[in-house]
N, C-alpha and C. Protein backbone atom coordinates (compact mmCIF):
# COMPACT_ATOMS: atom_id res chain seq x y z
N GLN A 1 -30.85 230.72 -9.16
CA GLN A 1 -29.85 229.72 -8.84
C GLN A 1 -29.12 230.11 -7.56
N VAL A 2 -28.91 229.15 -6.70
CA VAL A 2 -28.16 229.38 -5.47
C VAL A 2 -26.68 229.38 -5.80
N GLN A 3 -25.98 230.39 -5.31
CA GLN A 3 -24.54 230.48 -5.48
C GLN A 3 -23.86 230.34 -4.12
N LEU A 4 -22.85 229.50 -4.05
CA LEU A 4 -22.15 229.21 -2.81
C LEU A 4 -20.71 229.70 -2.91
N VAL A 5 -20.29 230.46 -1.91
CA VAL A 5 -18.93 231.00 -1.87
C VAL A 5 -18.34 230.70 -0.51
N GLU A 6 -17.30 229.86 -0.49
CA GLU A 6 -16.62 229.48 0.74
C GLU A 6 -15.39 230.37 0.97
N SER A 7 -15.08 230.62 2.23
CA SER A 7 -13.92 231.43 2.57
C SER A 7 -13.43 231.06 3.97
N GLY A 8 -12.26 231.55 4.33
CA GLY A 8 -11.73 231.37 5.67
C GLY A 8 -10.64 230.34 5.81
N GLY A 9 -10.35 229.60 4.75
CA GLY A 9 -9.31 228.60 4.83
C GLY A 9 -7.93 229.21 4.89
N GLY A 10 -6.95 228.36 5.11
CA GLY A 10 -5.58 228.81 5.18
C GLY A 10 -4.67 227.75 5.74
N LEU A 11 -3.45 228.15 6.03
CA LEU A 11 -2.45 227.26 6.61
C LEU A 11 -2.43 227.44 8.12
N VAL A 12 -2.53 226.34 8.84
CA VAL A 12 -2.54 226.39 10.29
C VAL A 12 -1.73 225.22 10.83
N GLN A 13 -1.10 225.42 11.98
CA GLN A 13 -0.33 224.36 12.61
C GLN A 13 -1.24 223.35 13.29
N PRO A 14 -0.79 222.10 13.43
CA PRO A 14 -1.59 221.13 14.19
C PRO A 14 -1.97 221.67 15.56
N GLY A 15 -3.22 221.44 15.94
CA GLY A 15 -3.74 221.96 17.20
C GLY A 15 -4.36 223.33 17.09
N GLY A 16 -4.21 223.97 15.95
CA GLY A 16 -4.75 225.30 15.75
C GLY A 16 -6.23 225.30 15.39
N SER A 17 -6.74 226.49 15.11
CA SER A 17 -8.15 226.68 14.83
C SER A 17 -8.36 227.55 13.60
N LEU A 18 -9.47 227.33 12.94
CA LEU A 18 -9.91 228.15 11.82
C LEU A 18 -11.43 228.22 11.85
N ARG A 19 -11.97 229.31 11.31
CA ARG A 19 -13.41 229.41 11.12
C ARG A 19 -13.70 229.65 9.65
N LEU A 20 -14.43 228.73 9.06
CA LEU A 20 -14.82 228.83 7.67
C LEU A 20 -16.20 229.45 7.56
N SER A 21 -16.42 230.17 6.47
CA SER A 21 -17.71 230.77 6.19
C SER A 21 -18.17 230.36 4.80
N CYS A 22 -19.47 230.25 4.64
CA CYS A 22 -20.08 229.95 3.36
C CYS A 22 -21.25 230.89 3.17
N THR A 23 -21.20 231.68 2.13
CA THR A 23 -22.28 232.59 1.80
C THR A 23 -23.14 231.98 0.71
N ALA A 24 -24.42 231.91 0.95
CA ALA A 24 -25.37 231.35 -0.01
C ALA A 24 -26.38 232.41 -0.39
N SER A 25 -26.78 232.41 -1.63
CA SER A 25 -27.68 233.43 -2.14
C SER A 25 -29.12 233.20 -1.72
N GLY A 26 -29.84 234.28 -1.55
CA GLY A 26 -31.29 234.32 -1.48
C GLY A 26 -31.95 233.57 -0.34
N SER A 27 -33.27 233.61 -0.37
CA SER A 27 -34.06 232.99 0.68
C SER A 27 -34.09 231.47 0.59
N SER A 28 -33.67 230.91 -0.52
CA SER A 28 -33.63 229.45 -0.65
C SER A 28 -32.75 228.82 0.42
N PHE A 29 -31.71 229.54 0.84
CA PHE A 29 -30.83 229.05 1.89
C PHE A 29 -31.59 228.75 3.17
N VAL A 30 -32.57 229.56 3.48
CA VAL A 30 -33.26 229.50 4.77
C VAL A 30 -34.00 228.18 4.98
N ILE A 31 -34.53 227.60 3.92
CA ILE A 31 -35.38 226.42 4.05
C ILE A 31 -34.63 225.11 3.87
N ASN A 32 -33.35 225.17 3.68
CA ASN A 32 -32.57 223.97 3.41
C ASN A 32 -31.67 223.58 4.57
N ALA A 33 -31.67 222.30 4.88
CA ALA A 33 -30.61 221.77 5.72
C ALA A 33 -29.29 221.89 4.94
N MET A 34 -28.24 222.24 5.63
CA MET A 34 -26.96 222.48 4.97
C MET A 34 -25.87 221.63 5.60
N GLY A 35 -24.78 221.50 4.88
CA GLY A 35 -23.65 220.75 5.39
C GLY A 35 -22.33 221.28 4.90
N TRP A 36 -21.29 220.90 5.62
CA TRP A 36 -19.93 221.11 5.16
C TRP A 36 -19.38 219.78 4.67
N TYR A 37 -18.73 219.83 3.52
CA TYR A 37 -18.11 218.68 2.91
C TYR A 37 -16.62 218.97 2.75
N ARG A 38 -15.83 217.93 2.62
CA ARG A 38 -14.42 218.14 2.34
C ARG A 38 -13.89 217.04 1.42
N ARG A 39 -12.87 217.39 0.66
CA ARG A 39 -12.17 216.43 -0.17
C ARG A 39 -10.69 216.52 0.15
N ALA A 40 -10.18 215.48 0.78
CA ALA A 40 -8.77 215.41 1.14
C ALA A 40 -7.99 214.81 -0.02
N PRO A 41 -6.67 215.04 -0.05
CA PRO A 41 -5.86 214.47 -1.12
C PRO A 41 -6.03 212.96 -1.22
N GLY A 42 -6.32 212.47 -2.41
CA GLY A 42 -6.45 211.05 -2.63
C GLY A 42 -7.74 210.43 -2.12
N LYS A 43 -8.69 211.24 -1.68
CA LYS A 43 -9.93 210.72 -1.14
C LYS A 43 -11.15 211.33 -1.83
N GLU A 44 -12.28 210.67 -1.71
CA GLU A 44 -13.53 211.20 -2.23
C GLU A 44 -14.07 212.29 -1.31
N ARG A 45 -14.94 213.12 -1.86
CA ARG A 45 -15.59 214.14 -1.06
C ARG A 45 -16.46 213.47 0.01
N GLU A 46 -16.38 213.97 1.23
CA GLU A 46 -17.15 213.42 2.32
C GLU A 46 -17.89 214.51 3.08
N LEU A 47 -19.02 214.15 3.63
CA LEU A 47 -19.81 215.05 4.46
C LEU A 47 -19.28 214.99 5.88
N VAL A 48 -18.94 216.15 6.46
CA VAL A 48 -18.35 216.16 7.79
C VAL A 48 -19.25 216.78 8.85
N ALA A 49 -20.19 217.64 8.46
CA ALA A 49 -21.06 218.29 9.44
C ALA A 49 -22.35 218.72 8.77
N VAL A 50 -23.47 218.58 9.48
CA VAL A 50 -24.77 218.97 8.94
C VAL A 50 -25.53 219.79 9.97
N ILE A 51 -26.47 220.59 9.47
CA ILE A 51 -27.28 221.43 10.34
C ILE A 51 -28.66 221.56 9.72
N THR A 52 -29.70 221.48 10.53
CA THR A 52 -31.07 221.60 10.04
C THR A 52 -31.35 223.03 9.62
N SER A 53 -32.46 223.22 8.91
CA SER A 53 -32.76 224.53 8.33
C SER A 53 -32.86 225.63 9.37
N GLY A 54 -33.38 225.31 10.53
CA GLY A 54 -33.49 226.29 11.60
C GLY A 54 -32.28 226.36 12.50
N GLY A 55 -31.35 225.44 12.32
CA GLY A 55 -30.13 225.44 13.10
C GLY A 55 -30.23 224.75 14.44
N ALA A 56 -31.36 224.10 14.71
CA ALA A 56 -31.57 223.52 16.03
C ALA A 56 -30.82 222.20 16.24
N ILE A 57 -30.58 221.48 15.16
CA ILE A 57 -29.97 220.16 15.26
C ILE A 57 -28.73 220.10 14.38
N THR A 58 -27.66 219.57 14.94
CA THR A 58 -26.42 219.39 14.19
C THR A 58 -25.92 217.97 14.35
N ASN A 59 -25.10 217.54 13.40
CA ASN A 59 -24.49 216.23 13.48
C ASN A 59 -23.15 216.26 12.77
N TYR A 60 -22.27 215.34 13.16
CA TYR A 60 -20.90 215.36 12.68
C TYR A 60 -20.40 213.98 12.35
N ALA A 61 -19.48 213.93 11.39
CA ALA A 61 -18.77 212.69 11.14
C ALA A 61 -17.91 212.35 12.35
N ASP A 62 -17.70 211.07 12.58
CA ASP A 62 -16.90 210.65 13.73
C ASP A 62 -15.51 211.27 13.72
N SER A 63 -14.96 211.49 12.54
CA SER A 63 -13.61 211.99 12.42
C SER A 63 -13.44 213.42 12.93
N VAL A 64 -14.53 214.18 13.01
CA VAL A 64 -14.45 215.57 13.44
C VAL A 64 -15.26 215.87 14.69
N LYS A 65 -16.03 214.92 15.14
CA LYS A 65 -16.91 215.13 16.29
C LYS A 65 -16.11 215.56 17.51
N GLY A 66 -16.59 216.60 18.18
CA GLY A 66 -15.91 217.14 19.34
C GLY A 66 -14.89 218.21 19.03
N ARG A 67 -14.55 218.37 17.75
CA ARG A 67 -13.57 219.36 17.34
C ARG A 67 -14.16 220.45 16.44
N PHE A 68 -15.17 220.10 15.66
CA PHE A 68 -15.78 221.04 14.72
C PHE A 68 -17.18 221.41 15.20
N THR A 69 -17.59 222.64 14.91
CA THR A 69 -18.93 223.11 15.23
C THR A 69 -19.52 223.81 14.01
N ILE A 70 -20.66 223.33 13.55
CA ILE A 70 -21.36 223.95 12.43
C ILE A 70 -22.45 224.87 12.98
N SER A 71 -22.63 226.01 12.34
CA SER A 71 -23.68 226.94 12.73
C SER A 71 -24.13 227.71 11.50
N ARG A 72 -25.23 228.45 11.64
CA ARG A 72 -25.73 229.22 10.51
C ARG A 72 -26.41 230.48 11.00
N ASP A 73 -26.41 231.49 10.14
CA ASP A 73 -27.12 232.73 10.36
C ASP A 73 -27.99 232.94 9.14
N ASN A 74 -29.24 232.53 9.24
CA ASN A 74 -30.12 232.59 8.07
C ASN A 74 -30.39 234.01 7.61
N ALA A 75 -30.42 234.96 8.53
CA ALA A 75 -30.63 236.35 8.15
C ALA A 75 -29.50 236.86 7.26
N LYS A 76 -28.29 236.38 7.51
CA LYS A 76 -27.14 236.75 6.70
C LYS A 76 -26.90 235.81 5.54
N GLY A 77 -27.63 234.70 5.51
CA GLY A 77 -27.41 233.71 4.47
C GLY A 77 -26.03 233.09 4.54
N THR A 78 -25.55 232.84 5.75
CA THR A 78 -24.19 232.39 5.95
C THR A 78 -24.15 231.13 6.81
N LEU A 79 -23.31 230.20 6.40
CA LEU A 79 -23.04 228.97 7.12
C LEU A 79 -21.61 229.03 7.63
N TYR A 80 -21.38 228.53 8.84
CA TYR A 80 -20.05 228.58 9.45
C TYR A 80 -19.58 227.19 9.85
N LEU A 81 -18.27 227.03 9.90
CA LEU A 81 -17.66 225.84 10.47
C LEU A 81 -16.49 226.28 11.32
N GLN A 82 -16.64 226.17 12.63
CA GLN A 82 -15.56 226.46 13.56
C GLN A 82 -14.77 225.18 13.77
N MET A 83 -13.50 225.21 13.46
CA MET A 83 -12.64 224.04 13.54
C MET A 83 -11.56 224.28 14.58
N SER A 84 -11.44 223.36 15.52
CA SER A 84 -10.45 223.44 16.58
C SER A 84 -9.67 222.14 16.64
N SER A 85 -8.55 222.18 17.35
CA SER A 85 -7.69 220.99 17.50
C SER A 85 -7.43 220.33 16.16
N LEU A 86 -7.06 221.14 15.19
CA LEU A 86 -6.89 220.64 13.83
C LEU A 86 -5.74 219.66 13.74
N LYS A 87 -5.94 218.67 12.89
CA LYS A 87 -4.98 217.61 12.65
C LYS A 87 -4.54 217.63 11.20
N PRO A 88 -3.35 217.10 10.91
CA PRO A 88 -2.92 217.05 9.51
C PRO A 88 -3.92 216.35 8.60
N GLU A 89 -4.62 215.35 9.11
CA GLU A 89 -5.61 214.64 8.30
C GLU A 89 -6.85 215.47 8.00
N ASP A 90 -6.98 216.65 8.61
CA ASP A 90 -8.06 217.57 8.26
C ASP A 90 -7.75 218.36 7.00
N THR A 91 -6.52 218.25 6.52
CA THR A 91 -6.14 218.96 5.30
C THR A 91 -7.03 218.54 4.15
N ALA A 92 -7.69 219.51 3.53
CA ALA A 92 -8.65 219.22 2.47
C ALA A 92 -9.17 220.54 1.91
N VAL A 93 -9.87 220.44 0.79
CA VAL A 93 -10.67 221.54 0.31
C VAL A 93 -12.06 221.38 0.91
N TYR A 94 -12.55 222.42 1.55
CA TYR A 94 -13.83 222.38 2.24
C TYR A 94 -14.90 223.10 1.42
N TYR A 95 -16.05 222.47 1.30
CA TYR A 95 -17.17 222.98 0.53
C TYR A 95 -18.43 223.01 1.39
N CYS A 96 -19.33 223.92 1.08
CA CYS A 96 -20.66 223.89 1.67
C CYS A 96 -21.67 223.51 0.60
N ASN A 97 -22.79 222.94 1.02
CA ASN A 97 -23.86 222.62 0.11
C ASN A 97 -25.08 222.18 0.92
N ARG A 98 -26.18 221.99 0.22
CA ARG A 98 -27.37 221.42 0.82
C ARG A 98 -27.07 220.03 1.33
N ASN A 99 -27.70 219.66 2.42
CA ASN A 99 -27.60 218.31 2.94
C ASN A 99 -28.76 217.50 2.38
N GLY A 100 -28.46 216.58 1.50
CA GLY A 100 -29.47 215.75 0.89
C GLY A 100 -28.89 214.88 -0.20
N PRO A 101 -29.74 214.14 -0.89
CA PRO A 101 -29.26 213.31 -2.00
C PRO A 101 -28.58 214.16 -3.06
N THR A 102 -27.61 213.57 -3.74
CA THR A 102 -26.82 214.33 -4.72
C THR A 102 -27.66 215.03 -5.79
N PRO A 103 -28.76 214.45 -6.27
CA PRO A 103 -29.55 215.18 -7.27
C PRO A 103 -30.15 216.48 -6.74
N LEU A 104 -30.23 216.65 -5.43
CA LEU A 104 -30.83 217.84 -4.84
C LEU A 104 -29.81 218.88 -4.41
N LEU A 105 -28.53 218.61 -4.59
CA LEU A 105 -27.50 219.55 -4.19
C LEU A 105 -27.46 220.76 -5.11
N PHE A 106 -27.01 221.88 -4.57
CA PHE A 106 -26.77 223.06 -5.39
C PHE A 106 -25.47 222.88 -6.17
N GLU A 107 -25.25 223.79 -7.11
CA GLU A 107 -23.98 223.77 -7.83
C GLU A 107 -22.84 224.04 -6.85
N TRP A 108 -21.79 223.22 -6.93
CA TRP A 108 -20.65 223.37 -6.03
C TRP A 108 -19.92 224.68 -6.25
N GLY A 109 -19.46 225.29 -5.16
CA GLY A 109 -18.59 226.44 -5.25
C GLY A 109 -17.15 226.01 -5.42
N GLN A 110 -16.23 226.96 -5.31
CA GLN A 110 -14.81 226.67 -5.48
C GLN A 110 -14.20 225.98 -4.27
N GLY A 111 -14.84 226.09 -3.12
CA GLY A 111 -14.29 225.55 -1.90
C GLY A 111 -13.19 226.44 -1.34
N THR A 112 -12.74 226.11 -0.13
CA THR A 112 -11.65 226.84 0.49
C THR A 112 -10.64 225.84 1.04
N GLN A 113 -9.37 226.07 0.77
CA GLN A 113 -8.32 225.13 1.14
C GLN A 113 -7.93 225.30 2.60
N VAL A 114 -7.93 224.19 3.32
CA VAL A 114 -7.43 224.14 4.68
C VAL A 114 -6.21 223.22 4.69
N THR A 115 -5.08 223.74 5.13
CA THR A 115 -3.87 222.97 5.22
C THR A 115 -3.37 222.99 6.65
N VAL A 116 -3.24 221.81 7.24
CA VAL A 116 -2.78 221.68 8.62
C VAL A 116 -1.40 221.05 8.58
N SER A 117 -0.39 221.83 8.88
CA SER A 117 0.99 221.37 8.76
C SER A 117 1.89 222.25 9.60
N SER A 118 2.95 221.64 10.12
CA SER A 118 3.96 222.39 10.84
C SER A 118 5.12 222.78 9.94
């Protein structure tokens, strides 16, 4: 079973930056396209960034495009999300998972809380 552990969240002022990390178990991570998801207060979980299995292609939700960068280190089994120019509306619990239909997702981890506030 793939286990996902997110870290790196915290409290940051508007305009600040954070880098999130997601550690995934085993070699299964290497062959999967991955994504970062978030659930903001009062909203459904949404996909904000995706990356192909080899890391060559990335894509972003319009709400974060130009501010967030997704990357991965398959040798370390780690997925990253570099977040810059953070806005209060970025406040959410951030999760990593496979990018695909919901039946194909791994078990969700605990996520990491990002709070953007002055």
